[in-house]
Amino acid sequence: MKKIVMMVFAAMFAMNVMADNVKFKVSNMHCENCANRAEKALKANDAVNEVKVDLENQAVCVSYDAKKTDVEALMKALKEARFEAEVVKQCDKEGGCKHECGDDGCGHEKGNQE
């Protein structure tokens, strides 16, 4: 049992380490329904691990598996949901962290931030 718990923990950790992150500015996201629609559109992609919507700042941060999708596909999902979105900042495991997404950041080491 202990071995299984450790394996599950290791798998969860590996998923977070392997994730890339992107922050979108969504200029026409005005209400809770818009925020829910944006989140649903992004989560329809199986490669998306987490979506954080900041309605007040019209921002959406997405953690995703870069081996399965890319920023262009995420942008397309937002546009197909009728949002006007642009990439604000991007973060990957090789290039380092260039932004904060929410209170706890994107999950990469703070020493790599620009």
PDB file of N, CA and C in Angstrom:
ATOM      1  N   MET A   1       0.828  -1.198   0.000  1.00  0.00           N
ATOM      2  CA  MET A   1       0.000   0.000   0.000  1.00  0.00           C
ATOM      3  C   MET A   1       0.869   1.258   0.000  1.00  0.00           C
ATOM      4  N   LYS A   2       1.886   1.277   0.844  1.00  0.00           N
ATOM      5  CA  LYS A   2       2.778   2.423   0.947  1.00  0.00           C
ATOM      6  C   LYS A   2       3.488   2.670  -0.381  1.00  0.00           C
ATOM      7  N   LYS A   3       3.852   1.589  -1.046  1.00  0.00           N
ATOM      8  CA  LYS A   3       4.537   1.686  -2.333  1.00  0.00           C
ATOM      9  C   LYS A   3       3.618   2.309  -3.393  1.00  0.00           C
ATOM     10  N   ILE A   4       2.349   1.945  -3.364  1.00  0.00           N
ATOM     11  CA  ILE A   4       1.387   2.494  -4.316  1.00  0.00           C
ATOM     12  C   ILE A   4       1.205   3.991  -4.089  1.00  0.00           C
ATOM     13  N   VAL A   5       1.087   4.400  -2.843  1.00  0.00           N
ATOM     14  CA  VAL A   5       0.945   5.818  -2.516  1.00  0.00           C
ATOM     15  C   VAL A   5       2.155   6.604  -3.011  1.00  0.00           C
ATOM     16  N   MET A   6       3.331   6.063  -2.823  1.00  0.00           N
ATOM     17  CA  MET A   6       4.549   6.736  -3.285  1.00  0.00           C
ATOM     18  C   MET A   6       4.575   6.835  -4.807  1.00  0.00           C
ATOM     19  N   MET A   7       4.122   5.803  -5.492  1.00  0.00           N
ATOM     20  CA  MET A   7       4.098   5.825  -6.950  1.00  0.00           C
ATOM     21  C   MET A   7       3.112   6.866  -7.464  1.00  0.00           C
ATOM     22  N   VAL A   8       1.953   6.966  -6.829  1.00  0.00           N
ATOM     23  CA  VAL A   8       0.957   7.960  -7.217  1.00  0.00           C
ATOM     24  C   VAL A   8       1.509   9.366  -6.983  1.00  0.00           C
ATOM     25  N   PHE A   9       2.133   9.587  -5.850  1.00  0.00           N
ATOM     26  CA  PHE A   9       2.733  10.886  -5.550  1.00  0.00           C
ATOM     27  C   PHE A   9       3.806  11.233  -6.581  1.00  0.00           C
ATOM     28  N   ALA A  10       4.652  10.287  -6.929  1.00  0.00           N
ATOM     29  CA  ALA A  10       5.710  10.514  -7.913  1.00  0.00           C
ATOM     30  C   ALA A  10       5.122  10.859  -9.277  1.00  0.00           C
ATOM     31  N   ALA A  11       4.061  10.196  -9.666  1.00  0.00           N
ATOM     32  CA  ALA A  11       3.416  10.475 -10.945  1.00  0.00           C
ATOM     33  C   ALA A  11       2.816  11.878 -10.960  1.00  0.00           C
ATOM     34  N   MET A  12       2.175  12.284  -9.860  1.00  0.00           N
ATOM     35  CA  MET A  12       1.608  13.627  -9.775  1.00  0.00           C
ATOM     36  C   MET A  12       2.704  14.671  -9.840  1.00  0.00           C
ATOM     37  N   PHE A  13       3.807  14.436  -9.171  1.00  0.00           N
ATOM     38  CA  PHE A  13       4.928  15.370  -9.184  1.00  0.00           C
ATOM     39  C   PHE A  13       5.492  15.490 -10.593  1.00  0.00           C
ATOM     40  N   ALA A  14       5.655  14.374 -11.273  1.00  0.00           N
ATOM     41  CA  ALA A  14       6.197  14.370 -12.634  1.00  0.00           C
ATOM     42  C   ALA A  14       5.290  15.153 -13.574  1.00  0.00           C
ATOM     43  N   MET A  15       3.978  15.051 -13.405  1.00  0.00           N
ATOM     44  CA  MET A  15       3.051  15.792 -14.252  1.00  0.00           C
ATOM     45  C   MET A  15       3.247  17.288 -14.080  1.00  0.00           C
ATOM     46  N   ASN A  16       3.405  17.745 -12.856  1.00  0.00           N
ATOM     47  CA  ASN A  16       3.597  19.177 -12.613  1.00  0.00           C
ATOM     48  C   ASN A  16       4.927  19.667 -13.152  1.00  0.00           C
ATOM     49  N   VAL A  17       5.970  18.884 -13.016  1.00  0.00           N
ATOM     50  CA  VAL A  17       7.292  19.295 -13.487  1.00  0.00           C
ATOM     51  C   VAL A  17       7.317  19.374 -15.003  1.00  0.00           C
ATOM     52  N   MET A  18       6.601  18.475 -15.671  1.00  0.00           N
ATOM     53  CA  MET A  18       6.619  18.412 -17.122  1.00  0.00           C
ATOM     54  C   MET A  18       5.680  19.431 -17.775  1.00  0.00           C
ATOM     55  N   ALA A  19       4.870  20.117 -17.008  1.00  0.00           N
ATOM     56  CA  ALA A  19       3.874  21.026 -17.569  1.00  0.00           C
ATOM     57  C   ALA A  19       4.503  22.347 -18.006  1.00  0.00           C
ATOM     58  N   ASP A  20       4.009  22.853 -19.121  1.00  0.00           N
ATOM     59  CA  ASP A  20       4.321  24.195 -19.565  1.00  0.00           C
ATOM     60  C   ASP A  20       3.143  25.078 -19.173  1.00  0.00           C
ATOM     61  N   ASN A  21       3.343  26.378 -19.191  1.00  0.00           N
ATOM     62  CA  ASN A  21       2.305  27.311 -18.763  1.00  0.00           C
ATOM     63  C   ASN A  21       2.228  28.486 -19.705  1.00  0.00           C
ATOM     64  N   VAL A  22       1.040  28.998 -19.876  1.00  0.00           N
ATOM     65  CA  VAL A  22       0.837  30.187 -20.687  1.00  0.00           C
ATOM     66  C   VAL A  22      -0.245  31.039 -20.023  1.00  0.00           C
ATOM     67  N   LYS A  23      -0.095  32.347 -20.181  1.00  0.00           N
ATOM     68  CA  LYS A  23      -1.075  33.287 -19.647  1.00  0.00           C
ATOM     69  C   LYS A  23      -1.663  34.064 -20.813  1.00  0.00           C
ATOM     70  N   PHE A  24      -2.993  34.050 -20.898  1.00  0.00           N
ATOM     71  CA  PHE A  24      -3.705  34.775 -21.942  1.00  0.00           C
ATOM     72  C   PHE A  24      -4.409  35.984 -21.360  1.00  0.00           C
ATOM     73  N   LYS A  25      -4.432  37.065 -22.110  1.00  0.00           N
ATOM     74  CA  LYS A  25      -5.275  38.219 -21.817  1.00  0.00           C
ATOM     75  C   LYS A  25      -6.520  38.035 -22.667  1.00  0.00           C
ATOM     76  N   VAL A  26      -7.689  38.000 -22.026  1.00  0.00           N
ATOM     77  CA  VAL A  26      -8.951  37.772 -22.731  1.00  0.00           C
ATOM     78  C   VAL A  26      -9.793  39.033 -22.573  1.00  0.00           C
ATOM     79  N   SER A  27      -9.749  39.899 -23.574  1.00  0.00           N
ATOM     80  CA  SER A  27     -10.339  41.229 -23.447  1.00  0.00           C
ATOM     81  C   SER A  27     -11.857  41.241 -23.396  1.00  0.00           C
ATOM     82  N   ASN A  28     -12.526  40.234 -23.929  1.00  0.00           N
ATOM     83  CA  ASN A  28     -13.994  40.245 -23.914  1.00  0.00           C
ATOM     84  C   ASN A  28     -14.574  39.212 -22.938  1.00  0.00           C
ATOM     85  N   MET A  29     -13.889  38.981 -21.845  1.00  0.00           N
ATOM     86  CA  MET A  29     -14.378  38.102 -20.772  1.00  0.00           C
ATOM     87  C   MET A  29     -14.878  39.018 -19.647  1.00  0.00           C
ATOM     88  N   HIS A  30     -16.216  39.134 -19.526  1.00  0.00           N
ATOM     89  CA  HIS A  30     -16.782  40.152 -18.638  1.00  0.00           C
ATOM     90  C   HIS A  30     -17.519  39.639 -17.417  1.00  0.00           C
ATOM     91  N   CYS A  31     -17.932  38.353 -17.443  1.00  0.00           N
ATOM     92  CA  CYS A  31     -18.777  37.871 -16.353  1.00  0.00           C
ATOM     93  C   CYS A  31     -18.406  36.434 -15.984  1.00  0.00           C
ATOM     94  N   GLU A  32     -19.064  35.924 -14.969  1.00  0.00           N
ATOM     95  CA  GLU A  32     -18.795  34.563 -14.498  1.00  0.00           C
ATOM     96  C   GLU A  32     -19.125  33.531 -15.578  1.00  0.00           C
ATOM     97  N   ASN A  33     -20.170  33.784 -16.364  1.00  0.00           N
ATOM     98  CA  ASN A  33     -20.509  32.867 -17.454  1.00  0.00           C
ATOM     99  C   ASN A  33     -19.386  32.826 -18.490  1.00  0.00           C
ATOM    100  N   CYS A  34     -18.812  33.982 -18.791  1.00  0.00           N
ATOM    101  CA  CYS A  34     -17.676  34.034 -19.723  1.00  0.00           C
ATOM    102  C   CYS A  34     -16.499  33.235 -19.164  1.00  0.00           C
ATOM    103  N   ALA A  35     -16.220  33.438 -17.898  1.00  0.00           N
ATOM    104  CA  ALA A  35     -15.101  32.732 -17.262  1.00  0.00           C
ATOM    105  C   ALA A  35     -15.312  31.222 -17.322  1.00  0.00           C
ATOM    106  N   ASN A  36     -16.535  30.785 -17.046  1.00  0.00           N
ATOM    107  CA  ASN A  36     -16.836  29.353 -17.110  1.00  0.00           C
ATOM    108  C   ASN A  36     -16.714  28.818 -18.528  1.00  0.00           C
ATOM    109  N   ARG A  37     -17.154  29.607 -19.507  1.00  0.00           N
ATOM    110  CA  ARG A  37     -17.069  29.192 -20.908  1.00  0.00           C
ATOM    111  C   ARG A  37     -15.615  29.067 -21.357  1.00  0.00           C
ATOM    112  N   ALA A  38     -14.772  30.004 -20.940  1.00  0.00           N
ATOM    113  CA  ALA A  38     -13.342  29.956 -21.284  1.00  0.00           C
ATOM    114  C   ALA A  38     -12.688  28.731 -20.655  1.00  0.00           C
ATOM    115  N   GLU A  39     -12.984  28.491 -19.391  1.00  0.00           N
ATOM    116  CA  GLU A  39     -12.417  27.335 -18.701  1.00  0.00           C
ATOM    117  C   GLU A  39     -12.857  26.032 -19.364  1.00  0.00           C
ATOM    118  N   LYS A  40     -14.118  25.932 -19.702  1.00  0.00           N
ATOM    119  CA  LYS A  40     -14.645  24.720 -20.343  1.00  0.00           C
ATOM    120  C   LYS A  40     -13.998  24.500 -21.710  1.00  0.00           C
ATOM    121  N   ALA A  41     -13.831  25.560 -22.481  1.00  0.00           N
ATOM    122  CA  ALA A  41     -13.219  25.445 -23.806  1.00  0.00           C
ATOM    123  C   ALA A  41     -11.786  24.927 -23.715  1.00  0.00           C
ATOM    124  N   LEU A  42     -11.045  25.416 -22.731  1.00  0.00           N
ATOM    125  CA  LEU A  42      -9.651  24.989 -22.571  1.00  0.00           C
ATOM    126  C   LEU A  42      -9.554  23.576 -22.009  1.00  0.00           C
ATOM    127  N   LYS A  43     -10.401  23.240 -21.049  1.00  0.00           N
ATOM    128  CA  LYS A  43     -10.354  21.917 -20.429  1.00  0.00           C
ATOM    129  C   LYS A  43     -10.850  20.808 -21.368  1.00  0.00           C
ATOM    130  N   ALA A  44     -11.469  21.189 -22.480  1.00  0.00           N
ATOM    131  CA  ALA A  44     -11.885  20.193 -23.469  1.00  0.00           C
ATOM    132  C   ALA A  44     -10.663  19.535 -24.112  1.00  0.00           C
ATOM    133  N   ASN A  45      -9.508  20.203 -24.025  1.00  0.00           N
ATOM    134  CA  ASN A  45      -8.252  19.659 -24.534  1.00  0.00           C
ATOM    135  C   ASN A  45      -7.668  18.743 -23.459  1.00  0.00           C
ATOM    136  N   ASP A  46      -7.482  17.469 -23.797  1.00  0.00           N
ATOM    137  CA  ASP A  46      -6.985  16.482 -22.823  1.00  0.00           C
ATOM    138  C   ASP A  46      -5.601  16.811 -22.287  1.00  0.00           C
ATOM    139  N   ALA A  47      -4.848  17.638 -22.982  1.00  0.00           N
ATOM    140  CA  ALA A  47      -3.492  17.975 -22.552  1.00  0.00           C
ATOM    141  C   ALA A  47      -3.470  19.068 -21.485  1.00  0.00           C
ATOM    142  N   VAL A  48      -4.601  19.690 -21.237  1.00  0.00           N
ATOM    143  CA  VAL A  48      -4.681  20.770 -20.240  1.00  0.00           C
ATOM    144  C   VAL A  48      -4.779  20.165 -18.851  1.00  0.00           C
ATOM    145  N   ASN A  49      -3.839  20.559 -17.987  1.00  0.00           N
ATOM    146  CA  ASN A  49      -3.810  20.075 -16.611  1.00  0.00           C
ATOM    147  C   ASN A  49      -4.618  20.964 -15.673  1.00  0.00           C
ATOM    148  N   GLU A  50      -4.503  22.280 -15.865  1.00  0.00           N
ATOM    149  CA  GLU A  50      -5.149  23.214 -14.943  1.00  0.00           C
ATOM    150  C   GLU A  50      -5.430  24.530 -15.652  1.00  0.00           C
ATOM    151  N   VAL A  51      -6.553  25.136 -15.303  1.00  0.00           N
ATOM    152  CA  VAL A  51      -6.933  26.445 -15.835  1.00  0.00           C
ATOM    153  C   VAL A  51      -7.259  27.340 -14.650  1.00  0.00           C
ATOM    154  N   LYS A  52      -6.655  28.517 -14.602  1.00  0.00           N
ATOM    155  CA  LYS A  52      -6.963  29.505 -13.568  1.00  0.00           C
ATOM    156  C   LYS A  52      -7.485  30.752 -14.269  1.00  0.00           C
ATOM    157  N   VAL A  53      -8.709  31.141 -13.956  1.00  0.00           N
ATOM    158  CA  VAL A  53      -9.329  32.305 -14.569  1.00  0.00           C
ATOM    159  C   VAL A  53      -9.332  33.443 -13.567  1.00  0.00           C
ATOM    160  N   ASP A  54      -8.809  34.584 -13.983  1.00  0.00           N
ATOM    161  CA  ASP A  54      -8.816  35.802 -13.171  1.00  0.00           C
ATOM    162  C   ASP A  54      -9.723  36.790 -13.882  1.00  0.00           C
ATOM    163  N   LEU A  55     -11.005  36.756 -13.525  1.00  0.00           N
ATOM    164  CA  LEU A  55     -12.008  37.569 -14.200  1.00  0.00           C
ATOM    165  C   LEU A  55     -11.728  39.062 -14.044  1.00  0.00           C
ATOM    166  N   GLU A  56     -11.317  39.462 -12.861  1.00  0.00           N
ATOM    167  CA  GLU A  56     -11.062  40.888 -12.596  1.00  0.00           C
ATOM    168  C   GLU A  56     -10.008  41.464 -13.538  1.00  0.00           C
ATOM    169  N   ASN A  57      -8.957  40.691 -13.815  1.00  0.00           N
ATOM    170  CA  ASN A  57      -7.874  41.156 -14.690  1.00  0.00           C
ATOM    171  C   ASN A  57      -7.997  40.625 -16.117  1.00  0.00           C
ATOM    172  N   GLN A  58      -9.080  39.951 -16.408  1.00  0.00           N
ATOM    173  CA  GLN A  58      -9.340  39.359 -17.717  1.00  0.00           C
ATOM    174  C   GLN A  58      -8.157  38.505 -18.185  1.00  0.00           C
ATOM    175  N   ALA A  59      -7.695  37.637 -17.290  1.00  0.00           N
ATOM    176  CA  ALA A  59      -6.553  36.779 -17.587  1.00  0.00           C
ATOM    177  C   ALA A  59      -6.919  35.314 -17.362  1.00  0.00           C
ATOM    178  N   VAL A  60      -6.302  34.450 -18.164  1.00  0.00           N
ATOM    179  CA  VAL A  60      -6.481  33.010 -18.018  1.00  0.00           C
ATOM    180  C   VAL A  60      -5.102  32.376 -18.073  1.00  0.00           C
ATOM    181  N   CYS A  61      -4.747  31.615 -17.040  1.00  0.00           N
ATOM    182  CA  CYS A  61      -3.478  30.903 -16.988  1.00  0.00           C
ATOM    183  C   CYS A  61      -3.761  29.419 -17.193  1.00  0.00           C
ATOM    184  N   VAL A  62      -2.967  28.810 -18.055  1.00  0.00           N
ATOM    185  CA  VAL A  62      -3.191  27.413 -18.412  1.00  0.00           C
ATOM    186  C   VAL A  62      -1.906  26.630 -18.221  1.00  0.00           C
ATOM    187  N   SER A  63      -1.993  25.515 -17.525  1.00  0.00           N
ATOM    188  CA  SER A  63      -0.905  24.560 -17.385  1.00  0.00           C
ATOM    189  C   SER A  63      -1.252  23.385 -18.292  1.00  0.00           C
ATOM    190  N   TYR A  64      -0.317  23.010 -19.178  1.00  0.00           N
ATOM    191  CA  TYR A  64      -0.624  21.985 -20.177  1.00  0.00           C
ATOM    192  C   TYR A  64       0.595  21.125 -20.478  1.00  0.00           C
ATOM    193  N   ASP A  65       0.344  19.969 -21.077  1.00  0.00           N
ATOM    194  CA  ASP A  65       1.396  19.048 -21.492  1.00  0.00           C
ATOM    195  C   ASP A  65       1.826  19.421 -22.903  1.00  0.00           C
ATOM    196  N   ALA A  66       3.018  19.974 -23.033  1.00  0.00           N
ATOM    197  CA  ALA A  66       3.521  20.456 -24.317  1.00  0.00           C
ATOM    198  C   ALA A  66       3.816  19.329 -25.298  1.00  0.00           C
ATOM    199  N   LYS A  67       3.848  18.099 -24.804  1.00  0.00           N
ATOM    200  CA  LYS A  67       4.045  16.967 -25.709  1.00  0.00           C
ATOM    201  C   LYS A  67       2.755  16.632 -26.448  1.00  0.00           C
ATOM    202  N   LYS A  68       1.623  17.117 -25.924  1.00  0.00           N
ATOM    203  CA  LYS A  68       0.328  16.776 -26.502  1.00  0.00           C
ATOM    204  C   LYS A  68      -0.379  17.941 -27.181  1.00  0.00           C
ATOM    205  N   THR A  69      -0.006  19.167 -26.852  1.00  0.00           N
ATOM    206  CA  THR A  69      -0.649  20.335 -27.454  1.00  0.00           C
ATOM    207  C   THR A  69       0.318  21.507 -27.426  1.00  0.00           C
ATOM    208  N   ASP A  70      -0.104  22.625 -27.970  1.00  0.00           N
ATOM    209  CA  ASP A  70       0.738  23.828 -27.965  1.00  0.00           C
ATOM    210  C   ASP A  70      -0.120  25.071 -27.737  1.00  0.00           C
ATOM    211  N   VAL A  71       0.538  26.199 -27.621  1.00  0.00           N
ATOM    212  CA  VAL A  71      -0.149  27.459 -27.329  1.00  0.00           C
ATOM    213  C   VAL A  71      -1.138  27.807 -28.436  1.00  0.00           C
ATOM    214  N   GLU A  72      -0.775  27.516 -29.683  1.00  0.00           N
ATOM    215  CA  GLU A  72      -1.657  27.834 -30.806  1.00  0.00           C
ATOM    216  C   GLU A  72      -2.987  27.084 -30.690  1.00  0.00           C
ATOM    217  N   ALA A  73      -2.945  25.812 -30.273  1.00  0.00           N
ATOM    218  CA  ALA A  73      -4.177  25.034 -30.111  1.00  0.00           C
ATOM    219  C   ALA A  73      -5.031  25.596 -28.980  1.00  0.00           C
ATOM    220  N   LEU A  74      -4.378  26.045 -27.909  1.00  0.00           N
ATOM    221  CA  LEU A  74      -5.119  26.635 -26.786  1.00  0.00           C
ATOM    222  C   LEU A  74      -5.760  27.950 -27.208  1.00  0.00           C
ATOM    223  N   MET A  75      -5.014  28.749 -27.963  1.00  0.00           N
ATOM    224  CA  MET A  75      -5.535  30.019 -28.479  1.00  0.00           C
ATOM    225  C   MET A  75      -6.719  29.754 -29.405  1.00  0.00           C
ATOM    226  N   LYS A  76      -6.612  28.740 -30.234  1.00  0.00           N
ATOM    227  CA  LYS A  76      -7.701  28.390 -31.159  1.00  0.00           C
ATOM    228  C   LYS A  76      -8.963  28.007 -30.382  1.00  0.00           C
ATOM    229  N   ALA A  77      -8.803  27.267 -29.288  1.00  0.00           N
ATOM    230  CA  ALA A  77      -9.952  26.875 -28.466  1.00  0.00           C
ATOM    231  C   ALA A  77     -10.654  28.108 -27.902  1.00  0.00           C
ATOM    232  N   LEU A  78      -9.887  29.087 -27.455  1.00  0.00           N
ATOM    233  CA  LEU A  78     -10.487  30.320 -26.938  1.00  0.00           C
ATOM    234  C   LEU A  78     -11.195  31.085 -28.050  1.00  0.00           C
ATOM    235  N   LYS A  79     -10.572  31.171 -29.216  1.00  0.00           N
ATOM    236  CA  LYS A  79     -11.188  31.905 -30.334  1.00  0.00           C
ATOM    237  C   LYS A  79     -12.452  31.210 -30.820  1.00  0.00           C
ATOM    238  N   GLU A  80     -12.449  29.870 -30.831  1.00  0.00           N
ATOM    239  CA  GLU A  80     -13.650  29.135 -31.231  1.00  0.00           C
ATOM    240  C   GLU A  80     -14.782  29.330 -30.231  1.00  0.00           C
ATOM    241  N   ALA A  81     -14.436  29.645 -28.978  1.00  0.00           N
ATOM    242  CA  ALA A  81     -15.442  29.955 -27.958  1.00  0.00           C
ATOM    243  C   ALA A  81     -15.797  31.443 -27.990  1.00  0.00           C
ATOM    244  N   ARG A  82     -15.381  32.114 -29.039  1.00  0.00           N
ATOM    245  CA  ARG A  82     -15.667  33.536 -29.313  1.00  0.00           C
ATOM    246  C   ARG A  82     -15.009  34.510 -28.341  1.00  0.00           C
ATOM    247  N   PHE A  83     -13.771  34.193 -27.951  1.00  0.00           N
ATOM    248  CA  PHE A  83     -13.013  35.108 -27.109  1.00  0.00           C
ATOM    249  C   PHE A  83     -11.916  35.769 -27.911  1.00  0.00           C
ATOM    250  N   GLU A  84     -11.623  37.004 -27.552  1.00  0.00           N
ATOM    251  CA  GLU A  84     -10.494  37.737 -28.121  1.00  0.00           C
ATOM    252  C   GLU A  84      -9.341  37.571 -27.143  1.00  0.00           C
ATOM    253  N   ALA A  85      -8.396  36.709 -27.502  1.00  0.00           N
ATOM    254  CA  ALA A  85      -7.309  36.371 -26.579  1.00  0.00           C
ATOM    255  C   ALA A  85      -5.959  36.626 -27.222  1.00  0.00           C
ATOM    256  N   GLU A  86      -5.016  36.983 -26.366  1.00  0.00           N
ATOM    257  CA  GLU A  86      -3.631  37.119 -26.806  1.00  0.00           C
ATOM    258  C   GLU A  86      -2.724  36.567 -25.711  1.00  0.00           C
ATOM    259  N   VAL A  87      -1.578  36.053 -26.141  1.00  0.00           N
ATOM    260  CA  VAL A  87      -0.609  35.520 -25.182  1.00  0.00           C
ATOM    261  C   VAL A  87       0.064  36.689 -24.483  1.00  0.00           C
ATOM    262  N   VAL A  88       0.037  36.656 -23.166  1.00  0.00           N
ATOM    263  CA  VAL A  88       0.713  37.694 -22.385  1.00  0.00           C
ATOM    264  C   VAL A  88       2.125  37.222 -22.059  1.00  0.00           C
ATOM    265  N   LYS A  89       2.233  36.027 -21.504  1.00  0.00           N
ATOM    266  CA  LYS A  89       3.539  35.468 -21.158  1.00  0.00           C
ATOM    267  C   LYS A  89       3.480  33.962 -21.258  1.00  0.00           C
ATOM    268  N   GLN A  90       4.651  33.393 -21.474  1.00  0.00           N
ATOM    269  CA  GLN A  90       4.731  31.951 -21.622  1.00  0.00           C
ATOM    270  C   GLN A  90       5.855  31.420 -20.748  1.00  0.00           C
ATOM    271  N   CYS A  91       5.719  30.206 -20.294  1.00  0.00           N
ATOM    272  CA  CYS A  91       6.694  29.602 -19.410  1.00  0.00           C
ATOM    273  C   CYS A  91       6.859  28.142 -19.800  1.00  0.00           C
ATOM    274  N   ASP A  92       8.099  27.686 -19.895  1.00  0.00           N
ATOM    275  CA  ASP A  92       8.316  26.271 -20.167  1.00  0.00           C
ATOM    276  C   ASP A  92       9.469  25.768 -19.328  1.00  0.00           C
ATOM    277  N   LYS A  93       9.578  24.452 -19.244  1.00  0.00           N
ATOM    278  CA  LYS A  93      10.578  23.843 -18.362  1.00  0.00           C
ATOM    279  C   LYS A  93      11.996  24.131 -18.825  1.00  0.00           C
ATOM    280  N   GLU A  94      12.192  24.411 -20.114  1.00  0.00           N
ATOM    281  CA  GLU A  94      13.533  24.686 -20.619  1.00  0.00           C
ATOM    282  C   GLU A  94      13.885  26.172 -20.529  1.00  0.00           C
ATOM    283  N   GLY A  95      12.911  27.029 -20.872  1.00  0.00           N
ATOM    284  CA  GLY A  95      13.178  28.459 -20.922  1.00  0.00           C
ATOM    285  C   GLY A  95      13.028  29.170 -19.597  1.00  0.00           C
ATOM    286  N   GLY A  96      12.443  28.519 -18.638  1.00  0.00           N
ATOM    287  CA  GLY A  96      12.273  29.138 -17.331  1.00  0.00           C
ATOM    288  C   GLY A  96      10.964  29.885 -17.206  1.00  0.00           C
ATOM    289  N   CYS A  97      10.726  30.392 -16.024  1.00  0.00           N
ATOM    290  CA  CYS A  97       9.463  31.029 -15.679  1.00  0.00           C
ATOM    291  C   CYS A  97       9.537  32.518 -15.963  1.00  0.00           C
ATOM    292  N   LYS A  98       8.506  33.027 -16.602  1.00  0.00           N
ATOM    293  CA  LYS A  98       8.493  34.439 -16.959  1.00  0.00           C
ATOM    294  C   LYS A  98       7.257  35.162 -16.434  1.00  0.00           C
ATOM    295  N   HIS A  99       6.475  34.514 -15.567  1.00  0.00           N
ATOM    296  CA  HIS A  99       5.246  35.140 -15.108  1.00  0.00           C
ATOM    297  C   HIS A  99       4.731  34.500 -13.825  1.00  0.00           C
ATOM    298  N   GLU A 100       3.711  35.095 -13.308  1.00  0.00           N
ATOM    299  CA  GLU A 100       2.978  34.563 -12.164  1.00  0.00           C
ATOM    300  C   GLU A 100       1.562  34.265 -12.630  1.00  0.00           C
ATOM    301  N   CYS A 101       1.029  33.150 -12.255  1.00  0.00           N
ATOM    302  CA  CYS A 101      -0.372  32.792 -12.538  1.00  0.00           C
ATOM    303  C   CYS A 101      -1.054  32.533 -11.209  1.00  0.00           C
ATOM    304  N   GLY A 102      -1.768  33.503 -10.739  1.00  0.00           N
ATOM    305  CA  GLY A 102      -2.454  33.333  -9.465  1.00  0.00           C
ATOM    306  C   GLY A 102      -1.511  33.560  -8.303  1.00  0.00           C
ATOM    307  N   ASP A 103      -1.971  33.209  -7.117  1.00  0.00           N
ATOM    308  CA  ASP A 103      -1.210  33.464  -5.898  1.00  0.00           C
ATOM    309  C   ASP A 103       0.027  32.595  -5.769  1.00  0.00           C
ATOM    310  N   ASP A 104      -0.027  31.381  -6.318  1.00  0.00           N
ATOM    311  CA  ASP A 104       1.087  30.464  -6.121  1.00  0.00           C
ATOM    312  C   ASP A 104       2.009  30.355  -7.326  1.00  0.00           C
ATOM    313  N   GLY A 105       1.882  31.250  -8.300  1.00  0.00           N
ATOM    314  CA  GLY A 105       2.762  31.224  -9.453  1.00  0.00           C
ATOM    315  C   GLY A 105       2.450  30.063 -10.366  1.00  0.00           C
ATOM    316  N   CYS A 106       3.344  29.796 -11.290  1.00  0.00           N
ATOM    317  CA  CYS A 106       3.081  28.761 -12.285  1.00  0.00           C
ATOM    318  C   CYS A 106       3.655  27.415 -11.871  1.00  0.00           C
ATOM    319  N   GLY A 107       4.423  27.368 -10.805  1.00  0.00           N
ATOM    320  CA  GLY A 107       4.954  26.092 -10.364  1.00  0.00           C
ATOM    321  C   GLY A 107       6.425  25.879 -10.661  1.00  0.00           C
ATOM    322  N   HIS A 108       7.009  26.754 -11.437  1.00  0.00           N
ATOM    323  CA  HIS A 108       8.431  26.628 -11.717  1.00  0.00           C
ATOM    324  C   HIS A 108       9.235  27.402 -10.674  1.00  0.00           C
ATOM    325  N   GLU A 109      10.525  27.151 -10.651  1.00  0.00           N
ATOM    326  CA  GLU A 109      11.378  27.802  -9.650  1.00  0.00           C
ATOM    327  C   GLU A 109      11.375  29.305  -9.820  1.00  0.00           C
ATOM    328  N   LYS A 110      11.230  30.032  -8.735  1.00  0.00           N
ATOM    329  CA  LYS A 110      11.205  31.480  -8.797  1.00  0.00           C
ATOM    330  C   LYS A 110      12.548  32.066  -9.246  1.00  0.00           C
ATOM    331  N   GLY A 111      13.609  31.338  -9.061  1.00  0.00           N
ATOM    332  CA  GLY A 111      14.928  31.811  -9.488  1.00  0.00           C
ATOM    333  C   GLY A 111      15.063  31.932 -10.987  1.00  0.00           C
ATOM    334  N   ASN A 112      14.172  31.296 -11.745  1.00  0.00           N
ATOM    335  CA  ASN A 112      14.229  31.356 -13.190  1.00  0.00           C
ATOM    336  C   ASN A 112      13.344  32.441 -13.777  1.00  0.00           C
ATOM    337  N   GLN A 113      12.671  33.204 -12.944  1.00  0.00           N
ATOM    338  CA  GLN A 113      11.769  34.224 -13.458  1.00  0.00           C
ATOM    339  C   GLN A 113      12.549  35.400 -14.008  1.00  0.00           C
ATOM    340  N   GLU A 114      11.949  36.039 -15.013  1.00  0.00           N
ATOM    341  CA  GLU A 114      12.529  37.274 -15.547  1.00  0.00           C
ATOM    342  C   GLU A 114      11.871  38.461 -14.893  1.00  0.00           C
TER     343      GLU A 114
END
